[in-house]
Amino acid sequence: MRIRDMLHCLQNADPDAVILYLVSFPDVSDADELNHAYVVTDVWLSERNRLVDGLLSSAYHPTEHRHSIGWNPETEEQWPERVVILSTQLPQATDSDSTS
């Protein structure tokens, strides 16, 4: 999802509504309150891997990590990407990052 997509989805939302974060496939009652938006100023790497069954998996990580463990250029793509991290807890920030 891009920032523009999120802004479009939220255009009619109550600005005083609480944002909840729901991890993949749990019960909806397990949602946690979103407490922080972490704007990463450094470019990260986005990786897409085609699995044996044809499904795609993706991962994001700081550029200095270069490749994921087991990186295979025959089955994976990689490109630079700007990211914003939404979290229920405050991530550890570096000097080049900002939080809200």
PDB file of N, CA and C in Angstrom:
ATOM      1  N   MET A   1       0.844  -1.174   0.000  1.00  0.00           N
ATOM      2  CA  MET A   1       0.000   0.000   0.000  1.00  0.00           C
ATOM      3  C   MET A   1       0.890   1.239   0.000  1.00  0.00           C
ATOM      4  N   ARG A   2       0.538   2.201  -0.773  1.00  0.00           N
ATOM      5  CA  ARG A   2       1.245   3.483  -0.850  1.00  0.00           C
ATOM      6  C   ARG A   2       0.548   4.497   0.065  1.00  0.00           C
ATOM      7  N   ILE A   3       1.282   5.552   0.442  1.00  0.00           N
ATOM      8  CA  ILE A   3       0.702   6.608   1.275  1.00  0.00           C
ATOM      9  C   ILE A   3      -0.554   7.167   0.617  1.00  0.00           C
ATOM     10  N   ARG A   4      -0.508   7.390  -0.710  1.00  0.00           N
ATOM     11  CA  ARG A   4      -1.681   7.930  -1.409  1.00  0.00           C
ATOM     12  C   ARG A   4      -2.882   6.993  -1.270  1.00  0.00           C
ATOM     13  N   ASP A   5      -2.640   5.660  -1.277  1.00  0.00           N
ATOM     14  CA  ASP A   5      -3.727   4.697  -1.114  1.00  0.00           C
ATOM     15  C   ASP A   5      -4.324   4.794   0.289  1.00  0.00           C
ATOM     16  N   MET A   6      -3.444   4.899   1.284  1.00  0.00           N
ATOM     17  CA  MET A   6      -3.919   4.999   2.659  1.00  0.00           C
ATOM     18  C   MET A   6      -4.708   6.290   2.866  1.00  0.00           C
ATOM     19  N   LEU A   7      -4.184   7.399   2.342  1.00  0.00           N
ATOM     20  CA  LEU A   7      -4.898   8.672   2.479  1.00  0.00           C
ATOM     21  C   LEU A   7      -6.266   8.607   1.809  1.00  0.00           C
ATOM     22  N   HIS A   8      -6.334   7.951   0.657  1.00  0.00           N
ATOM     23  CA  HIS A   8      -7.617   7.790  -0.031  1.00  0.00           C
ATOM     24  C   HIS A   8      -8.583   6.967   0.827  1.00  0.00           C
ATOM     25  N   CYS A   9      -8.090   5.873   1.403  1.00  0.00           N
ATOM     26  CA  CYS A   9      -8.936   5.018   2.247  1.00  0.00           C
ATOM     27  C   CYS A   9      -9.433   5.758   3.485  1.00  0.00           C
ATOM     28  N   LEU A  10      -8.619   6.678   3.994  1.00  0.00           N
ATOM     29  CA  LEU A  10      -8.950   7.365   5.242  1.00  0.00           C
ATOM     30  C   LEU A  10      -9.636   8.715   5.040  1.00  0.00           C
ATOM     31  N   GLN A  11      -9.895   9.107   3.803  1.00  0.00           N
ATOM     32  CA  GLN A  11     -10.422  10.452   3.551  1.00  0.00           C
ATOM     33  C   GLN A  11     -11.736  10.740   4.269  1.00  0.00           C
ATOM     34  N   ASN A  12     -12.554   9.730   4.511  1.00  0.00           N
ATOM     35  CA  ASN A  12     -13.831   9.942   5.194  1.00  0.00           C
ATOM     36  C   ASN A  12     -13.817   9.468   6.640  1.00  0.00           C
ATOM     37  N   ALA A  13     -12.644   9.083   7.135  1.00  0.00           N
ATOM     38  CA  ALA A  13     -12.544   8.585   8.511  1.00  0.00           C
ATOM     39  C   ALA A  13     -12.629   9.735   9.510  1.00  0.00           C
ATOM     40  N   ASP A  14     -13.166   9.437  10.669  1.00  0.00           N
ATOM     41  CA  ASP A  14     -13.203  10.404  11.765  1.00  0.00           C
ATOM     42  C   ASP A  14     -11.768  10.665  12.214  1.00  0.00           C
ATOM     43  N   PRO A  15     -11.283  11.911  12.176  1.00  0.00           N
ATOM     44  CA  PRO A  15      -9.899  12.189  12.549  1.00  0.00           C
ATOM     45  C   PRO A  15      -9.596  11.870  14.010  1.00  0.00           C
ATOM     46  N   ASP A  16     -10.625  11.690  14.834  1.00  0.00           N
ATOM     47  CA  ASP A  16     -10.409  11.327  16.234  1.00  0.00           C
ATOM     48  C   ASP A  16     -10.510   9.820  16.464  1.00  0.00           C
ATOM     49  N   ALA A  17     -10.717   9.050  15.404  1.00  0.00           N
ATOM     50  CA  ALA A  17     -10.799   7.592  15.535  1.00  0.00           C
ATOM     51  C   ALA A  17      -9.439   7.019  15.922  1.00  0.00           C
ATOM     52  N   VAL A  18      -9.450   5.914  16.657  1.00  0.00           N
ATOM     53  CA  VAL A  18      -8.227   5.212  17.046  1.00  0.00           C
ATOM     54  C   VAL A  18      -7.845   4.266  15.919  1.00  0.00           C
ATOM     55  N   ILE A  19      -6.574   4.239  15.553  1.00  0.00           N
ATOM     56  CA  ILE A  19      -6.087   3.326  14.521  1.00  0.00           C
ATOM     57  C   ILE A  19      -5.640   2.039  15.198  1.00  0.00           C
ATOM     58  N   LEU A  20      -6.157   0.904  14.730  1.00  0.00           N
ATOM     59  CA  LEU A  20      -5.771  -0.402  15.262  1.00  0.00           C
ATOM     60  C   LEU A  20      -4.958  -1.148  14.230  1.00  0.00           C
ATOM     61  N   TYR A  21      -4.018  -1.945  14.706  1.00  0.00           N
ATOM     62  CA  TYR A  21      -3.151  -2.745  13.842  1.00  0.00           C
ATOM     63  C   TYR A  21      -3.505  -4.206  14.037  1.00  0.00           C
ATOM     64  N   LEU A  22      -3.708  -4.910  12.951  1.00  0.00           N
ATOM     65  CA  LEU A  22      -4.077  -6.321  12.997  1.00  0.00           C
ATOM     66  C   LEU A  22      -3.050  -7.114  12.215  1.00  0.00           C
ATOM     67  N   VAL A  23      -2.343  -8.028  12.895  1.00  0.00           N
ATOM     68  CA  VAL A  23      -1.358  -8.859  12.200  1.00  0.00           C
ATOM     69  C   VAL A  23      -2.083  -9.882  11.340  1.00  0.00           C
ATOM     70  N   SER A  24      -1.372 -10.540  10.466  1.00  0.00           N
ATOM     71  CA  SER A  24      -1.973 -11.477   9.512  1.00  0.00           C
ATOM     72  C   SER A  24      -2.784 -12.578  10.182  1.00  0.00           C
ATOM     73  N   PHE A  25      -4.037 -12.668   9.813  1.00  0.00           N
ATOM     74  CA  PHE A  25      -4.952 -13.765  10.119  1.00  0.00           C
ATOM     75  C   PHE A  25      -5.308 -14.017  11.578  1.00  0.00           C
ATOM     76  N   PRO A  26      -5.147 -13.094  12.508  1.00  0.00           N
ATOM     77  CA  PRO A  26      -5.629 -13.398  13.854  1.00  0.00           C
ATOM     78  C   PRO A  26      -7.106 -13.049  13.976  1.00  0.00           C
ATOM     79  N   ASP A  27      -7.641 -13.294  15.137  1.00  0.00           N
ATOM     80  CA  ASP A  27      -9.001 -12.887  15.445  1.00  0.00           C
ATOM     81  C   ASP A  27      -9.036 -11.363  15.538  1.00  0.00           C
ATOM     82  N   VAL A  28     -10.078 -10.751  15.024  1.00  0.00           N
ATOM     83  CA  VAL A  28     -10.180  -9.292  15.003  1.00  0.00           C
ATOM     84  C   VAL A  28     -10.086  -8.692  16.411  1.00  0.00           C
ATOM     85  N   SER A  29     -10.458  -9.438  17.433  1.00  0.00           N
ATOM     86  CA  SER A  29     -10.372  -8.918  18.801  1.00  0.00           C
ATOM     87  C   SER A  29      -8.929  -8.837  19.297  1.00  0.00           C
ATOM     88  N   ASP A  30      -7.968  -9.351  18.519  1.00  0.00           N
ATOM     89  CA  ASP A  30      -6.552  -9.278  18.888  1.00  0.00           C
ATOM     90  C   ASP A  30      -5.872  -8.013  18.368  1.00  0.00           C
ATOM     91  N   ALA A  31      -6.621  -7.106  17.772  1.00  0.00           N
ATOM     92  CA  ALA A  31      -6.029  -5.885  17.217  1.00  0.00           C
ATOM     93  C   ALA A  31      -5.455  -5.009  18.330  1.00  0.00           C
ATOM     94  N   ASP A  32      -4.314  -4.373  18.052  1.00  0.00           N
ATOM     95  CA  ASP A  32      -3.664  -3.448  18.983  1.00  0.00           C
ATOM     96  C   ASP A  32      -3.763  -2.034  18.442  1.00  0.00           C
ATOM     97  N   GLU A  33      -3.723  -1.063  19.364  1.00  0.00           N
ATOM     98  CA  GLU A  33      -3.755   0.338  18.949  1.00  0.00           C
ATOM     99  C   GLU A  33      -2.452   0.719  18.272  1.00  0.00           C
ATOM    100  N   LEU A  34      -2.564   1.390  17.147  1.00  0.00           N
ATOM    101  CA  LEU A  34      -1.395   1.899  16.440  1.00  0.00           C
ATOM    102  C   LEU A  34      -0.933   3.152  17.162  1.00  0.00           C
ATOM    103  N   ASN A  35       0.325   3.152  17.612  1.00  0.00           N
ATOM    104  CA  ASN A  35       0.829   4.259  18.413  1.00  0.00           C
ATOM    105  C   ASN A  35       1.861   5.129  17.714  1.00  0.00           C
ATOM    106  N   HIS A  36       2.483   4.620  16.676  1.00  0.00           N
ATOM    107  CA  HIS A  36       3.570   5.369  16.055  1.00  0.00           C
ATOM    108  C   HIS A  36       3.602   5.176  14.544  1.00  0.00           C
ATOM    109  N   ALA A  37       3.949   6.237  13.851  1.00  0.00           N
ATOM    110  CA  ALA A  37       4.270   6.178  12.428  1.00  0.00           C
ATOM    111  C   ALA A  37       5.747   6.522  12.325  1.00  0.00           C
ATOM    112  N   TYR A  38       6.504   5.622  11.798  1.00  0.00           N
ATOM    113  CA  TYR A  38       7.956   5.734  11.743  1.00  0.00           C
ATOM    114  C   TYR A  38       8.334   6.041  10.301  1.00  0.00           C
ATOM    115  N   VAL A  39       8.708   7.285  10.019  1.00  0.00           N
ATOM    116  CA  VAL A  39       9.056   7.709   8.664  1.00  0.00           C
ATOM    117  C   VAL A  39      10.542   7.456   8.460  1.00  0.00           C
ATOM    118  N   VAL A  40      10.863   6.484   7.647  1.00  0.00           N
ATOM    119  CA  VAL A  40      12.256   6.114   7.403  1.00  0.00           C
ATOM    120  C   VAL A  40      12.797   7.011   6.295  1.00  0.00           C
ATOM    121  N   THR A  41      13.844   7.756   6.595  1.00  0.00           N
ATOM    122  CA  THR A  41      14.385   8.688   5.606  1.00  0.00           C
ATOM    123  C   THR A  41      15.385   8.021   4.673  1.00  0.00           C
ATOM    124  N   ASP A  42      16.001   6.926   5.107  1.00  0.00           N
ATOM    125  CA  ASP A  42      16.910   6.178   4.235  1.00  0.00           C
ATOM    126  C   ASP A  42      16.099   5.283   3.303  1.00  0.00           C
ATOM    127  N   VAL A  43      16.618   5.041   2.125  1.00  0.00           N
ATOM    128  CA  VAL A  43      15.959   4.127   1.184  1.00  0.00           C
ATOM    129  C   VAL A  43      16.179   2.694   1.658  1.00  0.00           C
ATOM    130  N   TRP A  44      15.148   1.878   1.611  1.00  0.00           N
ATOM    131  CA  TRP A  44      15.240   0.460   1.950  1.00  0.00           C
ATOM    132  C   TRP A  44      15.220  -0.350   0.659  1.00  0.00           C
ATOM    133  N   LEU A  45      15.463  -1.644   0.779  1.00  0.00           N
ATOM    134  CA  LEU A  45      15.359  -2.550  -0.367  1.00  0.00           C
ATOM    135  C   LEU A  45      14.079  -3.362  -0.248  1.00  0.00           C
ATOM    136  N   SER A  46      13.402  -3.494  -1.352  1.00  0.00           N
ATOM    137  CA  SER A  46      12.224  -4.340  -1.442  1.00  0.00           C
ATOM    138  C   SER A  46      12.617  -5.572  -2.243  1.00  0.00           C
ATOM    139  N   GLU A  47      12.256  -6.741  -1.738  1.00  0.00           N
ATOM    140  CA  GLU A  47      12.551  -7.996  -2.439  1.00  0.00           C
ATOM    141  C   GLU A  47      11.255  -8.747  -2.689  1.00  0.00           C
ATOM    142  N   ARG A  48      11.157  -9.354  -3.846  1.00  0.00           N
ATOM    143  CA  ARG A  48      10.022 -10.206  -4.174  1.00  0.00           C
ATOM    144  C   ARG A  48      10.568 -11.549  -4.619  1.00  0.00           C
ATOM    145  N   ASN A  49      10.050 -12.610  -4.025  1.00  0.00           N
ATOM    146  CA  ASN A  49      10.506 -13.965  -4.298  1.00  0.00           C
ATOM    147  C   ASN A  49       9.340 -14.801  -4.807  1.00  0.00           C
ATOM    148  N   ARG A  50       9.552 -15.486  -5.930  1.00  0.00           N
ATOM    149  CA  ARG A  50       8.535 -16.410  -6.440  1.00  0.00           C
ATOM    150  C   ARG A  50       8.803 -17.775  -5.819  1.00  0.00           C
ATOM    151  N   LEU A  51       7.843 -18.253  -5.035  1.00  0.00           N
ATOM    152  CA  LEU A  51       7.976 -19.529  -4.342  1.00  0.00           C
ATOM    153  C   LEU A  51       7.725 -20.691  -5.300  1.00  0.00           C
ATOM    154  N   VAL A  52       8.085 -21.881  -4.874  1.00  0.00           N
ATOM    155  CA  VAL A  52       7.937 -23.085  -5.700  1.00  0.00           C
ATOM    156  C   VAL A  52       6.492 -23.271  -6.156  1.00  0.00           C
ATOM    157  N   ASP A  53       5.526 -22.956  -5.282  1.00  0.00           N
ATOM    158  CA  ASP A  53       4.110 -23.132  -5.632  1.00  0.00           C
ATOM    159  C   ASP A  53       3.557 -21.985  -6.487  1.00  0.00           C
ATOM    160  N   GLY A  54       4.432 -21.035  -6.877  1.00  0.00           N
ATOM    161  CA  GLY A  54       4.024 -19.935  -7.733  1.00  0.00           C
ATOM    162  C   GLY A  54       3.592 -18.681  -6.994  1.00  0.00           C
ATOM    163  N   LEU A  55       3.371 -18.788  -5.686  1.00  0.00           N
ATOM    164  CA  LEU A  55       2.992 -17.618  -4.899  1.00  0.00           C
ATOM    165  C   LEU A  55       4.177 -16.671  -4.754  1.00  0.00           C
ATOM    166  N   LEU A  56       3.886 -15.408  -4.489  1.00  0.00           N
ATOM    167  CA  LEU A  56       4.937 -14.414  -4.284  1.00  0.00           C
ATOM    168  C   LEU A  56       5.042 -14.082  -2.804  1.00  0.00           C
ATOM    169  N   SER A  57       6.257 -13.927  -2.326  1.00  0.00           N
ATOM    170  CA  SER A  57       6.478 -13.409  -0.978  1.00  0.00           C
ATOM    171  C   SER A  57       7.331 -12.163  -1.121  1.00  0.00           C
ATOM    172  N   SER A  58       7.180 -11.237  -0.186  1.00  0.00           N
ATOM    173  CA  SER A  58       7.975 -10.017  -0.267  1.00  0.00           C
ATOM    174  C   SER A  58       8.572  -9.692   1.086  1.00  0.00           C
ATOM    175  N   ALA A  59       9.672  -8.954   1.050  1.00  0.00           N
ATOM    176  CA  ALA A  59      10.368  -8.542   2.263  1.00  0.00           C
ATOM    177  C   ALA A  59      10.957  -7.164   2.031  1.00  0.00           C
ATOM    178  N   TYR A  60      11.101  -6.424   3.102  1.00  0.00           N
ATOM    179  CA  TYR A  60      11.707  -5.096   3.063  1.00  0.00           C
ATOM    180  C   TYR A  60      12.779  -5.041   4.134  1.00  0.00           C
ATOM    181  N   HIS A  61      13.901  -4.395   3.823  1.00  0.00           N
ATOM    182  CA  HIS A  61      14.961  -4.259   4.822  1.00  0.00           C
ATOM    183  C   HIS A  61      15.868  -3.090   4.468  1.00  0.00           C
ATOM    184  N   PRO A  62      16.616  -2.582   5.473  1.00  0.00           N
ATOM    185  CA  PRO A  62      17.534  -1.474   5.196  1.00  0.00           C
ATOM    186  C   PRO A  62      18.542  -1.843   4.113  1.00  0.00           C
ATOM    187  N   THR A  63      18.939  -0.868   3.323  1.00  0.00           N
ATOM    188  CA  THR A  63      19.846  -1.082   2.195  1.00  0.00           C
ATOM    189  C   THR A  63      21.153  -1.735   2.609  1.00  0.00           C
ATOM    190  N   GLU A  64      21.664  -1.397   3.803  1.00  0.00           N
ATOM    191  CA  GLU A  64      22.954  -1.955   4.210  1.00  0.00           C
ATOM    192  C   GLU A  64      22.921  -3.470   4.392  1.00  0.00           C
ATOM    193  N   HIS A  65      21.732  -4.075   4.464  1.00  0.00           N
ATOM    194  CA  HIS A  65      21.638  -5.541   4.571  1.00  0.00           C
ATOM    195  C   HIS A  65      21.829  -6.225   3.220  1.00  0.00           C
ATOM    196  N   ARG A  66      21.803  -5.475   2.145  1.00  0.00           N
ATOM    197  CA  ARG A  66      21.998  -5.906   0.755  1.00  0.00           C
ATOM    198  C   ARG A  66      21.003  -6.950   0.271  1.00  0.00           C
ATOM    199  N   HIS A  67      21.108  -8.191   0.738  1.00  0.00           N
ATOM    200  CA  HIS A  67      20.202  -9.263   0.294  1.00  0.00           C
ATOM    201  C   HIS A  67      19.708 -10.053   1.499  1.00  0.00           C
ATOM    202  N   SER A  68      18.542 -10.665   1.351  1.00  0.00           N
ATOM    203  CA  SER A  68      18.046 -11.580   2.371  1.00  0.00           C
ATOM    204  C   SER A  68      18.881 -12.850   2.359  1.00  0.00           C
ATOM    205  N   ILE A  69      18.827 -13.589   3.452  1.00  0.00           N
ATOM    206  CA  ILE A  69      19.516 -14.877   3.519  1.00  0.00           C
ATOM    207  C   ILE A  69      18.932 -15.784   2.443  1.00  0.00           C
ATOM    208  N   GLY A  70      19.782 -16.440   1.687  1.00  0.00           N
ATOM    209  CA  GLY A  70      19.322 -17.327   0.628  1.00  0.00           C
ATOM    210  C   GLY A  70      18.926 -16.610  -0.651  1.00  0.00           C
ATOM    211  N   TRP A  71      19.344 -15.355  -0.812  1.00  0.00           N
ATOM    212  CA  TRP A  71      19.012 -14.572  -2.005  1.00  0.00           C
ATOM    213  C   TRP A  71      19.379 -15.337  -3.263  1.00  0.00           C
ATOM    214  N   ASN A  72      18.448 -15.416  -4.217  1.00  0.00           N
ATOM    215  CA  ASN A  72      18.678 -16.111  -5.475  1.00  0.00           C
ATOM    216  C   ASN A  72      18.225 -15.194  -6.612  1.00  0.00           C
ATOM    217  N   PRO A  73      19.165 -14.625  -7.379  1.00  0.00           N
ATOM    218  CA  PRO A  73      18.783 -13.688  -8.445  1.00  0.00           C
ATOM    219  C   PRO A  73      17.934 -14.319  -9.549  1.00  0.00           C
ATOM    220  N   GLU A  74      17.900 -15.651  -9.628  1.00  0.00           N
ATOM    221  CA  GLU A  74      17.082 -16.317 -10.651  1.00  0.00           C
ATOM    222  C   GLU A  74      15.600 -16.324 -10.291  1.00  0.00           C
ATOM    223  N   THR A  75      15.281 -16.274  -8.995  1.00  0.00           N
ATOM    224  CA  THR A  75      13.880 -16.340  -8.571  1.00  0.00           C
ATOM    225  C   THR A  75      13.430 -15.101  -7.810  1.00  0.00           C
ATOM    226  N   GLU A  76      14.337 -14.145  -7.596  1.00  0.00           N
ATOM    227  CA  GLU A  76      13.997 -12.976  -6.795  1.00  0.00           C
ATOM    228  C   GLU A  76      14.313 -11.676  -7.518  1.00  0.00           C
ATOM    229  N   GLU A  77      13.522 -10.668  -7.213  1.00  0.00           N
ATOM    230  CA  GLU A  77      13.747  -9.314  -7.713  1.00  0.00           C
ATOM    231  C   GLU A  77      14.055  -8.428  -6.513  1.00  0.00           C
ATOM    232  N   GLN A  78      14.796  -7.345  -6.754  1.00  0.00           N
ATOM    233  CA  GLN A  78      15.121  -6.414  -5.679  1.00  0.00           C
ATOM    234  C   GLN A  78      15.179  -4.996  -6.243  1.00  0.00           C
ATOM    235  N   TRP A  79      14.635  -4.016  -5.505  1.00  0.00           N
ATOM    236  CA  TRP A  79      14.671  -2.626  -5.949  1.00  0.00           C
ATOM    237  C   TRP A  79      14.613  -1.711  -4.725  1.00  0.00           C
ATOM    238  N   PRO A  80      15.098  -0.449  -4.867  1.00  0.00           N
ATOM    239  CA  PRO A  80      15.041   0.502  -3.758  1.00  0.00           C
ATOM    240  C   PRO A  80      13.612   0.993  -3.542  1.00  0.00           C
ATOM    241  N   GLU A  81      13.277   1.265  -2.288  1.00  0.00           N
ATOM    242  CA  GLU A  81      11.909   1.670  -1.952  1.00  0.00           C
ATOM    243  C   GLU A  81      11.933   2.573  -0.719  1.00  0.00           C
ATOM    244  N   ARG A  82      11.112   3.605  -0.715  1.00  0.00           N
ATOM    245  CA  ARG A  82      10.919   4.425   0.490  1.00  0.00           C
ATOM    246  C   ARG A  82       9.811   3.773   1.313  1.00  0.00           C
ATOM    247  N   VAL A  83       9.970   3.758   2.645  1.00  0.00           N
ATOM    248  CA  VAL A  83       8.991   3.085   3.494  1.00  0.00           C
ATOM    249  C   VAL A  83       8.573   3.955   4.674  1.00  0.00           C
ATOM    250  N   VAL A  84       7.370   3.700   5.170  1.00  0.00           N
ATOM    251  CA  VAL A  84       6.855   4.232   6.422  1.00  0.00           C
ATOM    252  C   VAL A  84       6.416   3.016   7.225  1.00  0.00           C
ATOM    253  N   ILE A  85       6.846   2.936   8.477  1.00  0.00           N
ATOM    254  CA  ILE A  85       6.503   1.796   9.319  1.00  0.00           C
ATOM    255  C   ILE A  85       5.453   2.233  10.329  1.00  0.00           C
ATOM    256  N   LEU A  86       4.333   1.528  10.375  1.00  0.00           N
ATOM    257  CA  LEU A  86       3.298   1.757  11.373  1.00  0.00           C
ATOM    258  C   LEU A  86       3.477   0.703  12.451  1.00  0.00           C
ATOM    259  N   SER A  87       3.457   1.130  13.712  1.00  0.00           N
ATOM    260  CA  SER A  87       3.789   0.199  14.784  1.00  0.00           C
ATOM    261  C   SER A  87       2.912   0.407  16.012  1.00  0.00           C
ATOM    262  N   THR A  88       2.693  -0.682  16.739  1.00  0.00           N
ATOM    263  CA  THR A  88       2.019  -0.590  18.028  1.00  0.00           C
ATOM    264  C   THR A  88       3.019  -0.233  19.122  1.00  0.00           C
ATOM    265  N   GLN A  89       4.309  -0.322  18.811  1.00  0.00           N
ATOM    266  CA  GLN A  89       5.381   0.068  19.728  1.00  0.00           C
ATOM    267  C   GLN A  89       6.354   0.952  18.976  1.00  0.00           C
ATOM    268  N   LEU A  90       7.111   1.749  19.696  1.00  0.00           N
ATOM    269  CA  LEU A  90       8.084   2.635  19.071  1.00  0.00           C
ATOM    270  C   LEU A  90       9.306   1.841  18.644  1.00  0.00           C
ATOM    271  N   PRO A  91       9.600   1.789  17.322  1.00  0.00           N
ATOM    272  CA  PRO A  91      10.807   1.092  16.870  1.00  0.00           C
ATOM    273  C   PRO A  91      12.047   1.877  17.280  1.00  0.00           C
ATOM    274  N   GLN A  92      13.185   1.202  17.321  1.00  0.00           N
ATOM    275  CA  GLN A  92      14.433   1.895  17.599  1.00  0.00           C
ATOM    276  C   GLN A  92      14.744   2.784  16.414  1.00  0.00           C
ATOM    277  N   ALA A  93      14.992   4.054  16.672  1.00  0.00           N
ATOM    278  CA  ALA A  93      15.256   5.017  15.604  1.00  0.00           C
ATOM    279  C   ALA A  93      16.747   5.278  15.482  1.00  0.00           C
ATOM    280  N   THR A  94      17.157   5.632  14.267  1.00  0.00           N
ATOM    281  CA  THR A  94      18.526   6.072  14.035  1.00  0.00           C
ATOM    282  C   THR A  94      18.490   7.577  13.838  1.00  0.00           C
ATOM    283  N   ASP A  95      19.639   8.199  13.708  1.00  0.00           N
ATOM    284  CA  ASP A  95      19.711   9.648  13.540  1.00  0.00           C
ATOM    285  C   ASP A  95      18.978  10.123  12.287  1.00  0.00           C
ATOM    286  N   SER A  96      18.856   9.263  11.279  1.00  0.00           N
ATOM    287  CA  SER A  96      18.250   9.687  10.014  1.00  0.00           C
ATOM    288  C   SER A  96      16.758   9.392   9.943  1.00  0.00           C
ATOM    289  N   ASP A  97      16.171   8.925  11.043  1.00  0.00           N
ATOM    290  CA  ASP A  97      14.761   8.572  11.043  1.00  0.00           C
ATOM    291  C   ASP A  97      13.971   9.527  11.931  1.00  0.00           C
ATOM    292  N   SER A  98      12.666   9.618  11.671  1.00  0.00           N
ATOM    293  CA  SER A  98      11.809  10.431  12.522  1.00  0.00           C
ATOM    294  C   SER A  98      10.570   9.642  12.889  1.00  0.00           C
ATOM    295  N   THR A  99       9.960   9.997  14.010  1.00  0.00           N
ATOM    296  CA  THR A  99       8.756   9.310  14.451  1.00  0.00           C
ATOM    297  C   THR A  99       7.666  10.317  14.734  1.00  0.00           C
ATOM    298  N   SER A 100       6.429   9.835  14.693  1.00  0.00           N
ATOM    299  CA  SER A 100       5.282  10.679  15.032  1.00  0.00           C
ATOM    300  C   SER A 100       4.530  10.023  16.156  1.00  0.00           C
TER     301      SER A 100
END
